[in-house]
């Protein structure tokens, strides 16, 4: 393991008591300490936010490149979904 992987820091944060209690209940249910639950929660949050950021950047690149579907095309497609002859899924640039 690298030195960075072994390095740890202690941090403190004020949280609502109800959230701490919920964390403790969850930790007890899965037989893990509060610190493990907090580490997993922060890791999962950061991974999710990172993916949202990447998805936003991909979407903005699509917009810049003109790979978009117009509002009217989406509205017409959505309105057709309950009909006997739904429209095909709109494609960018069509």
PDB file of N, CA and C in Angstrom:
ATOM      1  N   UNK A   1       0.839  -1.187   0.000  1.00  0.00           N
ATOM      2  CA  UNK A   1       0.000   0.000   0.000  1.00  0.00           C
ATOM      3  C   UNK A   1       0.879   1.243   0.000  1.00  0.00           C
ATOM      4  N   UNK A   2       0.378   2.282  -0.680  1.00  0.00           N
ATOM      5  CA  UNK A   2       1.126   3.522  -0.689  1.00  0.00           C
ATOM      6  C   UNK A   2       0.903   4.262   0.627  1.00  0.00           C
ATOM      7  N   UNK A   3       1.749   5.237   0.862  1.00  0.00           N
ATOM      8  CA  UNK A   3       1.617   6.034   2.087  1.00  0.00           C
ATOM      9  C   UNK A   3       0.280   6.762   2.119  1.00  0.00           C
ATOM     10  N   UNK A   4      -0.197   7.204   0.952  1.00  0.00           N
ATOM     11  CA  UNK A   4      -1.474   7.912   0.881  1.00  0.00           C
ATOM     12  C   UNK A   4      -2.630   7.001   1.291  1.00  0.00           C
ATOM     13  N   UNK A   5      -2.584   5.724   0.903  1.00  0.00           N
ATOM     14  CA  UNK A   5      -3.646   4.791   1.259  1.00  0.00           C
ATOM     15  C   UNK A   5      -3.673   4.526   2.757  1.00  0.00           C
ATOM     16  N   UNK A   6      -2.533   4.588   3.414  1.00  0.00           N
ATOM     17  CA  UNK A   6      -2.469   4.340   4.850  1.00  0.00           C
ATOM     18  C   UNK A   6      -2.797   5.578   5.666  1.00  0.00           C
ATOM     19  N   UNK A   7      -2.668   6.732   5.066  1.00  0.00           N
ATOM     20  CA  UNK A   7      -2.882   7.986   5.769  1.00  0.00           C
ATOM     21  C   UNK A   7      -4.369   8.186   6.070  1.00  0.00           C
ATOM     22  N   UNK A   8      -4.652   8.595   7.278  1.00  0.00           N
ATOM     23  CA  UNK A   8      -6.032   8.861   7.678  1.00  0.00           C
ATOM     24  C   UNK A   8      -6.070  10.185   8.425  1.00  0.00           C
ATOM     25  N   UNK A   9      -7.212  10.832   8.377  1.00  0.00           N
ATOM     26  CA  UNK A   9      -7.434  12.054   9.132  1.00  0.00           C
ATOM     27  C   UNK A   9      -8.744  11.927   9.878  1.00  0.00           C
ATOM     28  N   UNK A  10      -8.776  12.496  11.044  1.00  0.00           N
ATOM     29  CA  UNK A  10     -10.006  12.547  11.815  1.00  0.00           C
ATOM     30  C   UNK A  10     -10.683  13.882  11.528  1.00  0.00           C
ATOM     31  N   UNK A  11     -11.973  13.826  11.251  1.00  0.00           N
ATOM     32  CA  UNK A  11     -12.755  15.039  11.016  1.00  0.00           C
ATOM     33  C   UNK A  11     -13.966  15.014  11.938  1.00  0.00           C
ATOM     34  N   UNK A  12     -14.496  16.177  12.202  1.00  0.00           N
ATOM     35  CA  UNK A  12     -15.716  16.228  13.008  1.00  0.00           C
ATOM     36  C   UNK A  12     -16.742  17.055  12.261  1.00  0.00           C
ATOM     37  N   UNK A  13     -17.988  16.699  12.464  1.00  0.00           N
ATOM     38  CA  UNK A  13     -19.078  17.389  11.799  1.00  0.00           C
ATOM     39  C   UNK A  13     -20.291  17.369  12.726  1.00  0.00           C
ATOM     40  N   UNK A  14     -20.988  18.473  12.761  1.00  0.00           N
ATOM     41  CA  UNK A  14     -22.231  18.494  13.541  1.00  0.00           C
ATOM     42  C   UNK A  14     -23.353  18.000  12.646  1.00  0.00           C
ATOM     43  N   UNK A  15     -24.135  17.074  13.200  1.00  0.00           N
ATOM     44  CA  UNK A  15     -25.241  16.488  12.459  1.00  0.00           C
ATOM     45  C   UNK A  15     -26.468  16.447  13.352  1.00  0.00           C
ATOM     46  N   UNK A  16     -27.650  16.464  12.755  1.00  0.00           N
ATOM     47  CA  UNK A  16     -28.864  16.330  13.554  1.00  0.00           C
ATOM     48  C   UNK A  16     -28.833  15.007  14.327  1.00  0.00           C
ATOM     49  N   UNK A  17     -29.286  15.049  15.568  1.00  0.00           N
ATOM     50  CA  UNK A  17     -29.279  13.859  16.415  1.00  0.00           C
ATOM     51  C   UNK A  17     -30.025  12.702  15.766  1.00  0.00           C
ATOM     52  N   UNK A  18     -31.118  13.005  15.053  1.00  0.00           N
ATOM     53  CA  UNK A  18     -31.903  11.944  14.422  1.00  0.00           C
ATOM     54  C   UNK A  18     -31.080  11.215  13.357  1.00  0.00           C
ATOM     55  N   UNK A  19     -30.246  11.947  12.659  1.00  0.00           N
ATOM     56  CA  UNK A  19     -29.414  11.332  11.632  1.00  0.00           C
ATOM     57  C   UNK A  19     -28.341  10.442  12.265  1.00  0.00           C
ATOM     58  N   UNK A  20     -27.751  10.909  13.341  1.00  0.00           N
ATOM     59  CA  UNK A  20     -26.748  10.104  14.045  1.00  0.00           C
ATOM     60  C   UNK A  20     -27.396   8.841  14.598  1.00  0.00           C
ATOM     61  N   UNK A  21     -28.594   8.970  15.156  1.00  0.00           N
ATOM     62  CA  UNK A  21     -29.295   7.807  15.685  1.00  0.00           C
ATOM     63  C   UNK A  21     -29.627   6.811  14.574  1.00  0.00           C
ATOM     64  N   UNK A  22     -30.047   7.317  13.419  1.00  0.00           N
ATOM     65  CA  UNK A  22     -30.346   6.437  12.289  1.00  0.00           C
ATOM     66  C   UNK A  22     -29.075   5.728  11.823  1.00  0.00           C
ATOM     67  N   UNK A  23     -27.965   6.456  11.800  1.00  0.00           N
ATOM     68  CA  UNK A  23     -26.687   5.860  11.420  1.00  0.00           C
ATOM     69  C   UNK A  23     -26.297   4.757  12.390  1.00  0.00           C
ATOM     70  N   UNK A  24     -26.466   5.038  13.672  1.00  0.00           N
ATOM     71  CA  UNK A  24     -26.125   4.046  14.697  1.00  0.00           C
ATOM     72  C   UNK A  24     -27.011   2.815  14.591  1.00  0.00           C
ATOM     73  N   UNK A  25     -28.312   3.008  14.356  1.00  0.00           N
ATOM     74  CA  UNK A  25     -29.223   1.862  14.200  1.00  0.00           C
ATOM     75  C   UNK A  25     -28.802   1.016  13.004  1.00  0.00           C
ATOM     76  N   UNK A  26     -28.472   1.687  11.911  1.00  0.00           N
ATOM     77  CA  UNK A  26     -28.039   0.956  10.716  1.00  0.00           C
ATOM     78  C   UNK A  26     -26.741   0.209  10.994  1.00  0.00           C
ATOM     79  N   UNK A  27     -25.801   0.879  11.616  1.00  0.00           N
ATOM     80  CA  UNK A  27     -24.528   0.236  11.948  1.00  0.00           C
ATOM     81  C   UNK A  27     -24.721  -0.993  12.817  1.00  0.00           C
ATOM     82  N   UNK A  28     -25.596  -0.884  13.814  1.00  0.00           N
ATOM     83  CA  UNK A  28     -25.875  -2.027  14.677  1.00  0.00           C
ATOM     84  C   UNK A  28     -26.498  -3.166  13.873  1.00  0.00           C
ATOM     85  N   UNK A  29     -27.397  -2.817  12.960  1.00  0.00           N
ATOM     86  CA  UNK A  29     -28.084  -3.847  12.167  1.00  0.00           C
ATOM     87  C   UNK A  29     -27.113  -4.618  11.283  1.00  0.00           C
ATOM     88  N   UNK A  30     -26.081  -3.947  10.803  1.00  0.00           N
ATOM     89  CA  UNK A  30     -25.125  -4.635   9.923  1.00  0.00           C
ATOM     90  C   UNK A  30     -23.804  -4.937  10.629  1.00  0.00           C
ATOM     91  N   UNK A  31     -23.797  -4.701  11.934  1.00  0.00           N
ATOM     92  CA  UNK A  31     -22.630  -4.984  12.776  1.00  0.00           C
ATOM     93  C   UNK A  31     -21.383  -4.245  12.305  1.00  0.00           C
ATOM     94  N   UNK A  32     -21.561  -2.948  12.071  1.00  0.00           N
ATOM     95  CA  UNK A  32     -20.456  -2.079  11.678  1.00  0.00           C
ATOM     96  C   UNK A  32     -20.466  -0.847  12.570  1.00  0.00           C
ATOM     97  N   UNK A  33     -19.299  -0.275  12.848  1.00  0.00           N
ATOM     98  CA  UNK A  33     -19.245   0.920  13.687  1.00  0.00           C
ATOM     99  C   UNK A  33     -19.727   2.166  12.931  1.00  0.00           C
ATOM    100  N   UNK A  34     -20.076   3.175  13.679  1.00  0.00           N
ATOM    101  CA  UNK A  34     -20.532   4.441  13.121  1.00  0.00           C
ATOM    102  C   UNK A  34     -19.527   4.983  12.115  1.00  0.00           C
ATOM    103  N   UNK A  35     -18.252   4.901  12.419  1.00  0.00           N
ATOM    104  CA  UNK A  35     -17.238   5.449  11.516  1.00  0.00           C
ATOM    105  C   UNK A  35     -17.283   4.752  10.148  1.00  0.00           C
ATOM    106  N   UNK A  36     -17.544   3.457  10.131  1.00  0.00           N
ATOM    107  CA  UNK A  36     -17.642   2.732   8.870  1.00  0.00           C
ATOM    108  C   UNK A  36     -18.850   3.215   8.070  1.00  0.00           C
ATOM    109  N   UNK A  37     -19.985   3.375   8.769  1.00  0.00           N
ATOM    110  CA  UNK A  37     -21.211   3.836   8.106  1.00  0.00           C
ATOM    111  C   UNK A  37     -20.976   5.224   7.517  1.00  0.00           C
ATOM    112  N   UNK A  38     -20.346   6.097   8.273  1.00  0.00           N
ATOM    113  CA  UNK A  38     -20.085   7.451   7.791  1.00  0.00           C
ATOM    114  C   UNK A  38     -19.145   7.435   6.585  1.00  0.00           C
ATOM    115  N   UNK A  39     -18.097   6.629   6.661  1.00  0.00           N
ATOM    116  CA  UNK A  39     -17.148   6.537   5.546  1.00  0.00           C
ATOM    117  C   UNK A  39     -17.848   6.052   4.277  1.00  0.00           C
ATOM    118  N   UNK A  40     -18.664   5.009   4.419  1.00  0.00           N
ATOM    119  CA  UNK A  40     -19.383   4.471   3.267  1.00  0.00           C
ATOM    120  C   UNK A  40     -20.366   5.500   2.702  1.00  0.00           C
ATOM    121  N   UNK A  41     -21.057   6.202   3.592  1.00  0.00           N
ATOM    122  CA  UNK A  41     -22.041   7.187   3.144  1.00  0.00           C
ATOM    123  C   UNK A  41     -21.370   8.322   2.383  1.00  0.00           C
ATOM    124  N   UNK A  42     -20.265   8.829   2.906  1.00  0.00           N
ATOM    125  CA  UNK A  42     -19.561   9.922   2.236  1.00  0.00           C
ATOM    126  C   UNK A  42     -18.990   9.434   0.912  1.00  0.00           C
ATOM    127  N   UNK A  43     -18.425   8.243   0.896  1.00  0.00           N
ATOM    128  CA  UNK A  43     -17.875   7.690  -0.347  1.00  0.00           C
ATOM    129  C   UNK A  43     -18.961   7.539  -1.406  1.00  0.00           C
ATOM    130  N   UNK A  44     -20.113   7.001  -1.014  1.00  0.00           N
ATOM    131  CA  UNK A  44     -21.211   6.810  -1.959  1.00  0.00           C
ATOM    132  C   UNK A  44     -21.729   8.154  -2.465  1.00  0.00           C
ATOM    133  N   UNK A  45     -21.848   9.128  -1.573  1.00  0.00           N
ATOM    134  CA  UNK A  45     -22.314  10.461  -1.966  1.00  0.00           C
ATOM    135  C   UNK A  45     -21.357  11.083  -2.981  1.00  0.00           C
ATOM    136  N   UNK A  46     -20.060  11.033  -2.699  1.00  0.00           N
ATOM    137  CA  UNK A  46     -19.081  11.635  -3.600  1.00  0.00           C
ATOM    138  C   UNK A  46     -19.062  10.930  -4.951  1.00  0.00           C
ATOM    139  N   UNK A  47     -19.192   9.612  -4.973  1.00  0.00           N
ATOM    140  CA  UNK A  47     -19.228   8.875  -6.235  1.00  0.00           C
ATOM    141  C   UNK A  47     -20.460   9.262  -7.047  1.00  0.00           C
ATOM    142  N   UNK A  48     -21.610   9.375  -6.375  1.00  0.00           N
ATOM    143  CA  UNK A  48     -22.858   9.751  -7.056  1.00  0.00           C
ATOM    144  C   UNK A  48     -22.763  11.168  -7.615  1.00  0.00           C
ATOM    145  N   UNK A  49     -22.231  12.089  -6.823  1.00  0.00           N
ATOM    146  CA  UNK A  49     -22.099  13.473  -7.285  1.00  0.00           C
ATOM    147  C   UNK A  49     -21.103  13.577  -8.436  1.00  0.00           C
ATOM    148  N   UNK A  50     -20.031  12.786  -8.383  1.00  0.00           N
ATOM    149  CA  UNK A  50     -19.056  12.782  -9.465  1.00  0.00           C
ATOM    150  C   UNK A  50     -19.703  12.284 -10.752  1.00  0.00           C
ATOM    151  N   UNK A  51     -20.515  11.238 -10.664  1.00  0.00           N
ATOM    152  CA  UNK A  51     -21.199  10.731 -11.850  1.00  0.00           C
ATOM    153  C   UNK A  51     -22.194  11.752 -12.387  1.00  0.00           C
ATOM    154  N   UNK A  52     -22.918  12.444 -11.502  1.00  0.00           N
ATOM    155  CA  UNK A  52     -23.835  13.494 -11.954  1.00  0.00           C
ATOM    156  C   UNK A  52     -23.071  14.589 -12.684  1.00  0.00           C
ATOM    157  N   UNK A  53     -21.903  14.949 -12.173  1.00  0.00           N
ATOM    158  CA  UNK A  53     -21.086  15.981 -12.809  1.00  0.00           C
ATOM    159  C   UNK A  53     -20.628  15.518 -14.197  1.00  0.00           C
ATOM    160  N   UNK A  54     -20.171  14.255 -14.299  1.00  0.00           N
ATOM    161  CA  UNK A  54     -19.753  13.729 -15.602  1.00  0.00           C
ATOM    162  C   UNK A  54     -20.931  13.692 -16.580  1.00  0.00           C
ATOM    163  N   UNK A  55     -22.110  13.279 -16.102  1.00  0.00           N
ATOM    164  CA  UNK A  55     -23.290  13.225 -16.967  1.00  0.00           C
ATOM    165  C   UNK A  55     -23.680  14.621 -17.441  1.00  0.00           C
ATOM    166  N   UNK A  56     -23.579  15.600 -16.570  1.00  0.00           N
ATOM    167  CA  UNK A  56     -23.888  16.977 -16.951  1.00  0.00           C
ATOM    168  C   UNK A  56     -22.916  17.464 -18.019  1.00  0.00           C
ATOM    169  N   UNK A  57     -21.637  17.164 -17.838  1.00  0.00           N
ATOM    170  CA  UNK A  57     -20.636  17.576 -18.830  1.00  0.00           C
ATOM    171  C   UNK A  57     -20.871  16.889 -20.176  1.00  0.00           C
ATOM    172  N   UNK A  58     -21.269  15.601 -20.152  1.00  0.00           N
ATOM    173  CA  UNK A  58     -21.590  14.904 -21.398  1.00  0.00           C
ATOM    174  C   UNK A  58     -22.805  15.546 -22.071  1.00  0.00           C
ATOM    175  N   UNK A  59     -23.810  15.881 -21.267  1.00  0.00           N
ATOM    176  CA  UNK A  59     -25.017  16.501 -21.816  1.00  0.00           C
ATOM    177  C   UNK A  59     -24.698  17.869 -22.427  1.00  0.00           C
ATOM    178  N   UNK A  60     -23.874  18.639 -21.746  1.00  0.00           N
ATOM    179  CA  UNK A  60     -23.499  19.950 -22.293  1.00  0.00           C
ATOM    180  C   UNK A  60     -22.700  19.799 -23.586  1.00  0.00           C
ATOM    181  N   UNK A  61     -21.854  18.784 -23.662  1.00  0.00           N
ATOM    182  CA  UNK A  61     -21.100  18.529 -24.897  1.00  0.00           C
ATOM    183  C   UNK A  61     -22.059  18.144 -26.021  1.00  0.00           C
ATOM    184  N   UNK A  62     -23.090  17.345 -25.690  1.00  0.00           N
ATOM    185  CA  UNK A  62     -24.095  16.995 -26.697  1.00  0.00           C
ATOM    186  C   UNK A  62     -24.804  18.242 -27.206  1.00  0.00           C
ATOM    187  N   UNK A  63     -25.146  19.133 -26.302  1.00  0.00           N
ATOM    188  CA  UNK A  63     -25.815  20.383 -26.699  1.00  0.00           C
ATOM    189  C   UNK A  63     -24.903  21.193 -27.604  1.00  0.00           C
ATOM    190  N   UNK A  64     -23.650  21.346 -27.183  1.00  0.00           N
ATOM    191  CA  UNK A  64     -22.696  22.107 -27.997  1.00  0.00           C
ATOM    192  C   UNK A  64     -22.530  21.504 -29.385  1.00  0.00           C
ATOM    193  N   UNK A  65     -22.625  20.176 -29.490  1.00  0.00           N
ATOM    194  CA  UNK A  65     -22.454  19.490 -30.770  1.00  0.00           C
ATOM    195  C   UNK A  65     -23.760  19.393 -31.564  1.00  0.00           C
ATOM    196  N   UNK A  66     -24.848  19.909 -30.994  1.00  0.00           N
ATOM    197  CA  UNK A  66     -26.125  19.879 -31.689  1.00  0.00           C
ATOM    198  C   UNK A  66     -26.867  18.562 -31.583  1.00  0.00           C
ATOM    199  N   UNK A  67     -26.436  17.703 -30.691  1.00  0.00           N
ATOM    200  CA  UNK A  67     -27.107  16.404 -30.513  1.00  0.00           C
ATOM    201  C   UNK A  67     -28.247  16.579 -29.510  1.00  0.00           C
ATOM    202  N   UNK A  68     -29.331  17.195 -29.975  1.00  0.00           N
ATOM    203  CA  UNK A  68     -30.478  17.495 -29.115  1.00  0.00           C
ATOM    204  C   UNK A  68     -31.769  17.090 -29.813  1.00  0.00           C
ATOM    205  N   UNK A  69     -32.810  16.932 -29.034  1.00  0.00           N
ATOM    206  CA  UNK A  69     -34.148  16.656 -29.549  1.00  0.00           C
ATOM    207  C   UNK A  69     -35.015  17.836 -29.134  1.00  0.00           C
ATOM    208  N   UNK A  70     -35.730  18.399 -30.070  1.00  0.00           N
ATOM    209  CA  UNK A  70     -36.570  19.558 -29.796  1.00  0.00           C
ATOM    210  C   UNK A  70     -37.733  19.251 -28.862  1.00  0.00           C
ATOM    211  N   UNK A  71     -38.159  20.276 -28.161  1.00  0.00           N
ATOM    212  CA  UNK A  71     -39.254  20.136 -27.199  1.00  0.00           C
ATOM    213  C   UNK A  71     -40.524  19.621 -27.868  1.00  0.00           C
ATOM    214  N   UNK A  72     -40.866  20.180 -29.019  1.00  0.00           N
ATOM    215  CA  UNK A  72     -42.102  19.748 -29.696  1.00  0.00           C
ATOM    216  C   UNK A  72     -42.052  18.278 -30.078  1.00  0.00           C
ATOM    217  N   UNK A  73     -40.890  17.803 -30.531  1.00  0.00           N
ATOM    218  CA  UNK A  73     -40.766  16.392 -30.907  1.00  0.00           C
ATOM    219  C   UNK A  73     -40.951  15.493 -29.684  1.00  0.00           C
ATOM    220  N   UNK A  74     -40.385  15.886 -28.562  1.00  0.00           N
ATOM    221  CA  UNK A  74     -40.533  15.095 -27.334  1.00  0.00           C
ATOM    222  C   UNK A  74     -41.983  15.124 -26.868  1.00  0.00           C
ATOM    223  N   UNK A  75     -42.603  16.306 -26.924  1.00  0.00           N
ATOM    224  CA  UNK A  75     -43.992  16.437 -26.497  1.00  0.00           C
ATOM    225  C   UNK A  75     -44.914  15.581 -27.354  1.00  0.00           C
ATOM    226  N   UNK A  76     -44.718  15.604 -28.671  1.00  0.00           N
ATOM    227  CA  UNK A  76     -45.547  14.789 -29.564  1.00  0.00           C
ATOM    228  C   UNK A  76     -45.323  13.304 -29.312  1.00  0.00           C
ATOM    229  N   UNK A  77     -44.080  12.913 -29.133  1.00  0.00           N
ATOM    230  CA  UNK A  77     -43.777  11.507 -28.853  1.00  0.00           C
ATOM    231  C   UNK A  77     -44.450  11.066 -27.550  1.00  0.00           C
ATOM    232  N   UNK A  78     -44.297  11.878 -26.492  1.00  0.00           N
ATOM    233  CA  UNK A  78     -44.879  11.524 -25.193  1.00  0.00           C
ATOM    234  C   UNK A  78     -46.397  11.428 -25.284  1.00  0.00           C
ATOM    235  N   UNK A  79     -47.010  12.347 -26.009  1.00  0.00           N
ATOM    236  CA  UNK A  79     -48.471  12.326 -26.149  1.00  0.00           C
ATOM    237  C   UNK A  79     -48.933  11.089 -26.910  1.00  0.00           C
ATOM    238  N   UNK A  80     -48.083  10.561 -27.775  1.00  0.00           N
ATOM    239  CA  UNK A  80     -48.485   9.399 -28.585  1.00  0.00           C
ATOM    240  C   UNK A  80     -48.371   8.075 -27.834  1.00  0.00           C
ATOM    241  N   UNK A  81     -47.718   8.064 -26.689  1.00  0.00           N
ATOM    242  CA  UNK A  81     -47.446   6.804 -26.000  1.00  0.00           C
ATOM    243  C   UNK A  81     -48.702   6.063 -25.565  1.00  0.00           C
ATOM    244  N   UNK A  82     -49.775   6.788 -25.273  1.00  0.00           N
ATOM    245  CA  UNK A  82     -51.021   6.139 -24.861  1.00  0.00           C
ATOM    246  C   UNK A  82     -51.924   5.799 -26.049  1.00  0.00           C
ATOM    247  N   UNK A  83     -51.453   6.073 -27.257  1.00  0.00           N
ATOM    248  CA  UNK A  83     -52.284   5.810 -28.432  1.00  0.00           C
ATOM    249  C   UNK A  83     -52.033   4.395 -28.968  1.00  0.00           C
ATOM    250  N   UNK A  84     -52.843   4.014 -29.941  1.00  0.00           N
ATOM    251  CA  UNK A  84     -52.675   2.711 -30.583  1.00  0.00           C
ATOM    252  C   UNK A  84     -51.459   2.700 -31.505  1.00  0.00           C
ATOM    253  N   UNK A  85     -50.999   3.874 -31.912  1.00  0.00           N
ATOM    254  CA  UNK A  85     -49.845   3.972 -32.822  1.00  0.00           C
ATOM    255  C   UNK A  85     -48.835   4.975 -32.267  1.00  0.00           C
ATOM    256  N   UNK A  86     -48.093   4.565 -31.230  1.00  0.00           N
ATOM    257  CA  UNK A  86     -47.113   5.498 -30.661  1.00  0.00           C
ATOM    258  C   UNK A  86     -46.009   5.822 -31.669  1.00  0.00           C
ATOM    259  N   UNK A  87     -45.542   7.036 -31.615  1.00  0.00           N
ATOM    260  CA  UNK A  87     -44.447   7.476 -32.477  1.00  0.00           C
ATOM    261  C   UNK A  87     -43.149   6.838 -32.039  1.00  0.00           C
ATOM    262  N   UNK A  88     -42.202   6.697 -32.966  1.00  0.00           N
ATOM    263  CA  UNK A  88     -40.883   6.185 -32.547  1.00  0.00           C
ATOM    264  C   UNK A  88     -40.169   7.216 -31.677  1.00  0.00           C
ATOM    265  N   UNK A  89     -39.266   6.754 -30.879  1.00  0.00           N
ATOM    266  CA  UNK A  89     -38.477   7.620 -30.017  1.00  0.00           C
ATOM    267  C   UNK A  89     -37.760   8.661 -30.866  1.00  0.00           C
ATOM    268  N   UNK A  90     -37.890   9.944 -30.523  1.00  0.00           N
ATOM    269  CA  UNK A  90     -37.208  10.963 -31.311  1.00  0.00           C
ATOM    270  C   UNK A  90     -35.691  10.806 -31.231  1.00  0.00           C
ATOM    271  N   UNK A  91     -35.020  11.144 -32.307  1.00  0.00           N
ATOM    272  CA  UNK A  91     -33.565  11.054 -32.349  1.00  0.00           C
ATOM    273  C   UNK A  91     -32.983  12.454 -32.504  1.00  0.00           C
ATOM    274  N   UNK A  92     -31.836  12.687 -31.920  1.00  0.00           N
ATOM    275  CA  UNK A  92     -31.210  14.006 -32.026  1.00  0.00           C
ATOM    276  C   UNK A  92     -30.964  14.394 -33.485  1.00  0.00           C
ATOM    277  N   UNK A  93     -31.226  15.662 -33.773  1.00  0.00           N
ATOM    278  CA  UNK A  93     -30.941  16.198 -35.085  1.00  0.00           C
ATOM    279  C   UNK A  93     -31.977  15.883 -36.146  1.00  0.00           C
ATOM    280  N   UNK A  94     -33.012  15.135 -35.795  1.00  0.00           N
ATOM    281  CA  UNK A  94     -34.013  14.751 -36.807  1.00  0.00           C
ATOM    282  C   UNK A  94     -35.092  15.814 -36.912  1.00  0.00           C
TER     283      UNK A  94
END
